[in-house]
Amino acid sequence: MNWRKSTYSGGGDGDTCVEIAEAGPRIAVRDSKAPARATLSFPAPAFTALIDHLKEHPWSEARLPG
C-alpha cells in the first residue's frame, strides 16, 4: 500500500498522526507511530463523509463540555 501522512503532522519526527492508504474500495488507516500494528479500514464513502463532517465541525478541547 502507498501510505500518506497528513501535512498537519507537525513537530518532532512528524510521527504524531495517522496515515491513510487507498485499498481498493476501502480506505486504510494506521497509527504513524506504530505502523506495524493493526490497521483499520473503512468503505471509501464512509471515510469521505467522516472527513467532510470534521472539516465542517472541527473538534477541539475548547469545545468540550465541563
C-alpha atoms as a PDB file:
ATOM      1  CA  MET A   1       0.000   0.000   0.000  1.00  0.00           C
ATOM      2  CA  ASN A   2       1.033   3.562  -0.639  1.00  0.00           C
ATOM      3  CA  TRP A   3       0.645   5.292   2.749  1.00  0.00           C
ATOM      4  CA  ARG A   4       0.200   9.080   3.012  1.00  0.00           C
ATOM      5  CA  LYS A   5       0.746  11.200   6.085  1.00  0.00           C
ATOM      6  CA  SER A   6      -1.100  14.426   6.785  1.00  0.00           C
ATOM      7  CA  THR A   7       0.708  17.678   6.116  1.00  0.00           C
ATOM      8  CA  TYR A   8      -0.567  18.680   9.573  1.00  0.00           C
ATOM      9  CA  SER A   9       1.524  16.005  11.318  1.00  0.00           C
ATOM     10  CA  GLY A  10       3.774  18.751  12.747  1.00  0.00           C
ATOM     11  CA  GLY A  11       6.525  18.799  15.371  1.00  0.00           C
ATOM     12  CA  GLY A  12       9.225  16.336  16.334  1.00  0.00           C
ATOM     13  CA  ASP A  13       9.723  13.492  13.908  1.00  0.00           C
ATOM     14  CA  GLY A  14       6.366  14.159  12.253  1.00  0.00           C
ATOM     15  CA  ASP A  15       5.043  10.861  13.591  1.00  0.00           C
ATOM     16  CA  THR A  16       2.147  12.182  15.651  1.00  0.00           C
ATOM     17  CA  CYS A  17      -0.714  11.485  13.305  1.00  0.00           C
ATOM     18  CA  VAL A  18      -2.405   8.810  11.291  1.00  0.00           C
ATOM     19  CA  GLU A  19      -1.587   7.656   7.795  1.00  0.00           C
ATOM     20  CA  ILE A  20      -4.084   6.632   5.133  1.00  0.00           C
ATOM     21  CA  ALA A  21      -3.902   4.481   2.031  1.00  0.00           C
ATOM     22  CA  GLU A  22      -6.366   3.529  -0.671  1.00  0.00           C
ATOM     23  CA  ALA A  23      -7.116  -0.177  -0.559  1.00  0.00           C
ATOM     24  CA  GLY A  24      -9.500  -0.851  -3.422  1.00  0.00           C
ATOM     25  CA  PRO A  25     -12.972   0.369  -2.443  1.00  0.00           C
ATOM     26  CA  ARG A  26     -11.801   0.994   1.139  1.00  0.00           C
ATOM     27  CA  ILE A  27      -9.554   3.475   2.957  1.00  0.00           C
ATOM     28  CA  ALA A  28      -6.996   2.006   5.344  1.00  0.00           C
ATOM     29  CA  VAL A  29      -5.885   3.968   8.417  1.00  0.00           C
ATOM     30  CA  ARG A  30      -2.915   3.299  10.707  1.00  0.00           C
ATOM     31  CA  ASP A  31      -1.034   4.989  13.543  1.00  0.00           C
ATOM     32  CA  SER A  32       2.130   6.581  12.161  1.00  0.00           C
ATOM     33  CA  LYS A  33       3.954   5.877  15.453  1.00  0.00           C
ATOM     34  CA  ALA A  34       3.247   2.130  15.210  1.00  0.00           C
ATOM     35  CA  PRO A  35       2.829   1.269  11.517  1.00  0.00           C
ATOM     36  CA  ALA A  36       3.330  -2.474  12.057  1.00  0.00           C
ATOM     37  CA  ARG A  37       0.318  -2.676  14.374  1.00  0.00           C
ATOM     38  CA  ALA A  38      -3.324  -3.103  13.445  1.00  0.00           C
ATOM     39  CA  THR A  39      -4.830  -1.209  10.533  1.00  0.00           C
ATOM     40  CA  LEU A  40      -8.434  -0.081  10.340  1.00  0.00           C
ATOM     41  CA  SER A  41     -10.301   0.092   7.064  1.00  0.00           C
ATOM     42  CA  PHE A  42     -13.488   1.889   6.113  1.00  0.00           C
ATOM     43  CA  PRO A  43     -15.643   1.969   2.990  1.00  0.00           C
ATOM     44  CA  ALA A  44     -14.402   4.954   0.975  1.00  0.00           C
ATOM     45  CA  PRO A  45     -17.784   6.782   1.027  1.00  0.00           C
ATOM     46  CA  ALA A  46     -17.991   6.480   4.839  1.00  0.00           C
ATOM     47  CA  PHE A  47     -14.430   7.771   5.275  1.00  0.00           C
ATOM     48  CA  THR A  48     -15.114  10.687   2.927  1.00  0.00           C
ATOM     49  CA  ALA A  49     -18.278  11.542   4.888  1.00  0.00           C
ATOM     50  CA  LEU A  50     -16.287  11.499   8.137  1.00  0.00           C
ATOM     51  CA  ILE A  51     -13.612  13.837   6.749  1.00  0.00           C
ATOM     52  CA  ASP A  52     -16.254  16.194   5.342  1.00  0.00           C
ATOM     53  CA  HIS A  53     -18.018  16.272   8.722  1.00  0.00           C
ATOM     54  CA  LEU A  54     -14.767  17.007  10.552  1.00  0.00           C
ATOM     55  CA  LYS A  55     -13.997  19.859   8.165  1.00  0.00           C
ATOM     56  CA  GLU A  56     -17.447  21.334   8.727  1.00  0.00           C
ATOM     57  CA  HIS A  57     -17.462  20.769  12.515  1.00  0.00           C
ATOM     58  CA  PRO A  58     -13.857  20.906  13.754  1.00  0.00           C
ATOM     59  CA  TRP A  59     -13.282  19.323  17.132  1.00  0.00           C
ATOM     60  CA  SER A  60     -11.070  20.868  19.766  1.00  0.00           C
ATOM     61  CA  GLU A  61     -10.638  20.666  23.527  1.00  0.00           C
ATOM     62  CA  ALA A  62     -12.071  24.176  23.786  1.00  0.00           C
ATOM     63  CA  ARG A  63     -15.446  22.795  22.721  1.00  0.00           C
ATOM     64  CA  LEU A  64     -15.633  20.021  25.325  1.00  0.00           C
ATOM     65  CA  PRO A  65     -18.331  20.447  27.976  1.00  0.00           C
ATOM     66  CA  GLY A  66     -17.320  20.991  31.599  1.00  0.00           C
END
